[in-house]
Amino acid sequence: MMKTPQNIVLGRRSSRGFTLIEVLVAMLLFSFGLLGLVSIHARTIQFSNSAEDTNRAALLASNAAALMMGSQTVSLSPAVLTAWQAQVSNPALAGLPNGVGTITPSGNAANILITWQSPNAASGAANAVNRYQTQFILP
């Protein structure tokens, strides 16, 4: 039997692929997902740097406590104190960016305070200045 225009069923052909709009929507959703991953990665790096700086501050405070323990006094000599403060403020010497170290002796105890500002922190922001404080008591 020969097909004639009367017995051809007019209708929509079944689609076998994706339309252009479907591809564009899929690409848009995929790009939003990638932007989210990049944002999470950037925050992770920022938190990692902050943790590294805090660790370094604890190490510097421990170094000051060791100097006090070695000299058997909480009052360090001016030369030793100046050298320690220079180390705190110099990132090349395992110090901190914009670091400031102060030691306040009181009796047989000393308060060790280290402050620093991360170079990528916005000035005036709530987390612009970081602090690490500890107390050393000479036994």
C-alpha atoms as a PDB file:
ATOM      1  CA  MET A   1       0.000   0.000   0.000  1.00  0.00           C
ATOM      2  CA  MET A   2       1.298   3.323  -1.018  1.00  0.00           C
ATOM      3  CA  LYS A   3       1.272   6.226   1.366  1.00  0.00           C
ATOM      4  CA  THR A   4      -0.811   9.091   0.300  1.00  0.00           C
ATOM      5  CA  PRO A   5      -1.130  12.454   1.942  1.00  0.00           C
ATOM      6  CA  GLN A   6      -4.448  11.341   3.426  1.00  0.00           C
ATOM      7  CA  ASN A   7      -3.070   8.421   5.431  1.00  0.00           C
ATOM      8  CA  ILE A   8       0.067  10.214   6.704  1.00  0.00           C
ATOM      9  CA  VAL A   9      -0.594  11.152  10.277  1.00  0.00           C
ATOM     10  CA  LEU A  10       0.274  14.733  10.856  1.00  0.00           C
ATOM     11  CA  GLY A  11       1.735  15.309  14.254  1.00  0.00           C
ATOM     12  CA  ARG A  12       4.843  16.083  16.156  1.00  0.00           C
ATOM     13  CA  ARG A  13       7.853  13.953  15.595  1.00  0.00           C
ATOM     14  CA  SER A  14       9.415  12.464  18.687  1.00  0.00           C
ATOM     15  CA  SER A  15      12.449  14.460  19.741  1.00  0.00           C
ATOM     16  CA  ARG A  16      15.666  12.564  20.051  1.00  0.00           C
ATOM     17  CA  GLY A  17      18.028  15.263  21.335  1.00  0.00           C
ATOM     18  CA  PHE A  18      18.183  18.377  23.425  1.00  0.00           C
ATOM     19  CA  THR A  19      16.979  21.721  22.304  1.00  0.00           C
ATOM     20  CA  LEU A  20      19.202  24.745  22.486  1.00  0.00           C
ATOM     21  CA  ILE A  21      17.290  26.214  25.422  1.00  0.00           C
ATOM     22  CA  GLU A  22      17.691  23.013  27.449  1.00  0.00           C
ATOM     23  CA  VAL A  23      21.451  23.050  26.826  1.00  0.00           C
ATOM     24  CA  LEU A  24      21.683  26.716  27.856  1.00  0.00           C
ATOM     25  CA  VAL A  25      19.735  26.094  31.076  1.00  0.00           C
ATOM     26  CA  ALA A  26      21.964  23.131  31.908  1.00  0.00           C
ATOM     27  CA  MET A  27      25.075  25.231  31.308  1.00  0.00           C
ATOM     28  CA  LEU A  28      23.667  28.002  33.519  1.00  0.00           C
ATOM     29  CA  LEU A  29      23.000  25.584  36.379  1.00  0.00           C
ATOM     30  CA  PHE A  30      26.440  24.037  35.980  1.00  0.00           C
ATOM     31  CA  SER A  31      28.120  27.469  36.030  1.00  0.00           C
ATOM     32  CA  PHE A  32      26.281  28.418  39.253  1.00  0.00           C
ATOM     33  CA  GLY A  33      27.535  25.204  40.798  1.00  0.00           C
ATOM     34  CA  LEU A  34      31.109  25.993  39.763  1.00  0.00           C
ATOM     35  CA  LEU A  35      30.834  29.523  41.167  1.00  0.00           C
ATOM     36  CA  GLY A  36      29.691  28.044  44.476  1.00  0.00           C
ATOM     37  CA  LEU A  37      32.657  25.683  44.563  1.00  0.00           C
ATOM     38  CA  VAL A  38      35.098  28.498  43.808  1.00  0.00           C
ATOM     39  CA  SER A  39      33.567  30.590  46.597  1.00  0.00           C
ATOM     40  CA  ILE A  40      33.856  27.728  49.088  1.00  0.00           C
ATOM     41  CA  HIS A  41      37.458  27.141  48.032  1.00  0.00           C
ATOM     42  CA  ALA A  42      38.348  30.816  48.560  1.00  0.00           C
ATOM     43  CA  ARG A  43      36.818  30.803  52.059  1.00  0.00           C
ATOM     44  CA  THR A  44      38.690  27.605  52.899  1.00  0.00           C
ATOM     45  CA  ILE A  45      41.993  29.207  51.927  1.00  0.00           C
ATOM     46  CA  GLN A  46      41.153  32.268  54.031  1.00  0.00           C
ATOM     47  CA  PHE A  47      40.371  30.120  57.091  1.00  0.00           C
ATOM     48  CA  SER A  48      43.536  28.103  56.525  1.00  0.00           C
ATOM     49  CA  ASN A  49      45.664  31.266  56.473  1.00  0.00           C
ATOM     50  CA  SER A  50      43.982  32.534  59.644  1.00  0.00           C
ATOM     51  CA  ALA A  51      44.642  29.233  61.422  1.00  0.00           C
ATOM     52  CA  GLU A  52      48.269  29.297  60.291  1.00  0.00           C
ATOM     53  CA  ASP A  53      48.723  32.814  61.679  1.00  0.00           C
ATOM     54  CA  THR A  54      47.141  31.837  65.012  1.00  0.00           C
ATOM     55  CA  ASN A  55      49.422  28.809  65.200  1.00  0.00           C
ATOM     56  CA  ARG A  56      52.429  31.021  64.508  1.00  0.00           C
ATOM     57  CA  ALA A  57      51.340  33.449  67.261  1.00  0.00           C
ATOM     58  CA  ALA A  58      51.097  30.558  69.728  1.00  0.00           C
ATOM     59  CA  LEU A  59      54.580  29.420  68.728  1.00  0.00           C
ATOM     60  CA  LEU A  60      55.992  32.929  69.205  1.00  0.00           C
ATOM     61  CA  ALA A  61      54.343  33.217  72.633  1.00  0.00           C
ATOM     62  CA  SER A  62      55.762  29.833  73.559  1.00  0.00           C
ATOM     63  CA  ASN A  63      59.180  31.039  72.422  1.00  0.00           C
ATOM     64  CA  ALA A  64      58.887  34.060  74.747  1.00  0.00           C
ATOM     65  CA  ALA A  65      57.876  31.784  77.621  1.00  0.00           C
ATOM     66  CA  ALA A  66      60.893  29.560  76.922  1.00  0.00           C
ATOM     67  CA  LEU A  67      63.155  32.613  77.014  1.00  0.00           C
ATOM     68  CA  MET A  68      61.692  33.535  80.409  1.00  0.00           C
ATOM     69  CA  MET A  69      62.070  29.990  81.678  1.00  0.00           C
ATOM     70  CA  GLY A  70      65.691  29.902  80.526  1.00  0.00           C
ATOM     71  CA  SER A  71      66.548  33.176  82.232  1.00  0.00           C
ATOM     72  CA  GLN A  72      64.519  32.265  85.370  1.00  0.00           C
ATOM     73  CA  THR A  73      62.811  35.671  85.325  1.00  0.00           C
ATOM     74  CA  VAL A  74      59.693  37.119  83.704  1.00  0.00           C
ATOM     75  CA  SER A  75      61.547  40.360  82.913  1.00  0.00           C
ATOM     76  CA  LEU A  76      63.564  39.816  79.757  1.00  0.00           C
ATOM     77  CA  SER A  77      66.603  41.932  79.047  1.00  0.00           C
ATOM     78  CA  PRO A  78      65.970  44.796  76.600  1.00  0.00           C
ATOM     79  CA  ALA A  79      68.159  43.170  73.935  1.00  0.00           C
ATOM     80  CA  VAL A  80      66.317  39.829  74.150  1.00  0.00           C
ATOM     81  CA  LEU A  81      62.911  41.542  74.231  1.00  0.00           C
ATOM     82  CA  THR A  82      63.781  43.675  71.196  1.00  0.00           C
ATOM     83  CA  ALA A  83      65.012  40.622  69.270  1.00  0.00           C
ATOM     84  CA  TRP A  84      61.792  38.740  70.099  1.00  0.00           C
ATOM     85  CA  GLN A  85      59.643  41.701  69.057  1.00  0.00           C
ATOM     86  CA  ALA A  86      61.598  41.956  65.792  1.00  0.00           C
ATOM     87  CA  GLN A  87      60.882  38.283  65.130  1.00  0.00           C
ATOM     88  CA  VAL A  88      57.173  38.776  65.862  1.00  0.00           C
ATOM     89  CA  SER A  89      56.929  41.643  63.371  1.00  0.00           C
ATOM     90  CA  ASN A  90      58.913  40.020  60.549  1.00  0.00           C
ATOM     91  CA  PRO A  91      57.059  37.381  58.470  1.00  0.00           C
ATOM     92  CA  ALA A  92      60.370  36.367  56.878  1.00  0.00           C
ATOM     93  CA  LEU A  93      61.580  35.241  60.343  1.00  0.00           C
ATOM     94  CA  ALA A  94      58.436  33.164  61.042  1.00  0.00           C
ATOM     95  CA  GLY A  95      56.709  36.244  62.409  1.00  0.00           C
ATOM     96  CA  LEU A  96      53.325  37.707  61.602  1.00  0.00           C
ATOM     97  CA  PRO A  97      52.194  40.355  59.128  1.00  0.00           C
ATOM     98  CA  ASN A  98      51.992  43.700  60.946  1.00  0.00           C
ATOM     99  CA  GLY A  99      52.754  41.794  64.152  1.00  0.00           C
ATOM    100  CA  VAL A 100      53.290  43.460  67.507  1.00  0.00           C
ATOM    101  CA  GLY A 101      54.394  41.550  70.589  1.00  0.00           C
ATOM    102  CA  THR A 102      54.203  42.870  74.142  1.00  0.00           C
ATOM    103  CA  ILE A 103      55.201  41.241  77.406  1.00  0.00           C
ATOM    104  CA  THR A 104      53.838  42.697  80.644  1.00  0.00           C
ATOM    105  CA  PRO A 105      55.520  41.253  83.767  1.00  0.00           C
ATOM    106  CA  SER A 106      53.598  41.168  87.038  1.00  0.00           C
ATOM    107  CA  GLY A 107      55.233  39.463  90.011  1.00  0.00           C
ATOM    108  CA  ASN A 108      56.250  35.953  88.976  1.00  0.00           C
ATOM    109  CA  ALA A 109      53.829  36.004  86.003  1.00  0.00           C
ATOM    110  CA  ALA A 110      53.872  37.693  82.627  1.00  0.00           C
ATOM    111  CA  ASN A 111      51.116  38.406  80.117  1.00  0.00           C
ATOM    112  CA  ILE A 112      52.182  37.790  76.544  1.00  0.00           C
ATOM    113  CA  LEU A 113      50.065  39.564  73.935  1.00  0.00           C
ATOM    114  CA  ILE A 114      50.579  39.261  70.193  1.00  0.00           C
ATOM    115  CA  THR A 115      48.462  41.223  67.731  1.00  0.00           C
ATOM    116  CA  TRP A 116      48.614  41.164  63.949  1.00  0.00           C
ATOM    117  CA  GLN A 117      46.626  42.207  60.920  1.00  0.00           C
ATOM    118  CA  SER A 118      46.281  39.982  57.926  1.00  0.00           C
ATOM    119  CA  PRO A 119      47.362  41.751  54.729  1.00  0.00           C
ATOM    120  CA  ASN A 120      44.123  40.814  52.936  1.00  0.00           C
ATOM    121  CA  ALA A 121      41.781  41.891  55.760  1.00  0.00           C
ATOM    122  CA  ALA A 122      39.776  45.020  55.091  1.00  0.00           C
ATOM    123  CA  SER A 123      40.730  47.885  57.368  1.00  0.00           C
ATOM    124  CA  GLY A 124      37.987  48.714  59.827  1.00  0.00           C
ATOM    125  CA  ALA A 125      36.493  45.229  59.540  1.00  0.00           C
ATOM    126  CA  ALA A 126      35.540  43.386  62.701  1.00  0.00           C
ATOM    127  CA  ASN A 127      38.244  40.757  62.116  1.00  0.00           C
ATOM    128  CA  ALA A 128      40.915  43.187  60.895  1.00  0.00           C
ATOM    129  CA  VAL A 129      43.096  42.880  64.018  1.00  0.00           C
ATOM    130  CA  ASN A 130      43.762  39.432  65.459  1.00  0.00           C
ATOM    131  CA  ARG A 131      45.000  38.786  69.001  1.00  0.00           C
ATOM    132  CA  TYR A 132      46.656  35.947  70.820  1.00  0.00           C
ATOM    133  CA  GLN A 133      47.123  36.302  74.558  1.00  0.00           C
ATOM    134  CA  THR A 134      48.550  33.947  77.111  1.00  0.00           C
ATOM    135  CA  GLN A 135      49.947  34.111  80.620  1.00  0.00           C
ATOM    136  CA  PHE A 136      53.227  32.594  81.745  1.00  0.00           C
ATOM    137  CA  ILE A 137      53.794  31.858  85.428  1.00  0.00           C
ATOM    138  CA  LEU A 138      57.341  31.226  86.490  1.00  0.00           C
ATOM    139  CA  PRO A 139      57.449  28.139  88.747  1.00  0.00           C
END
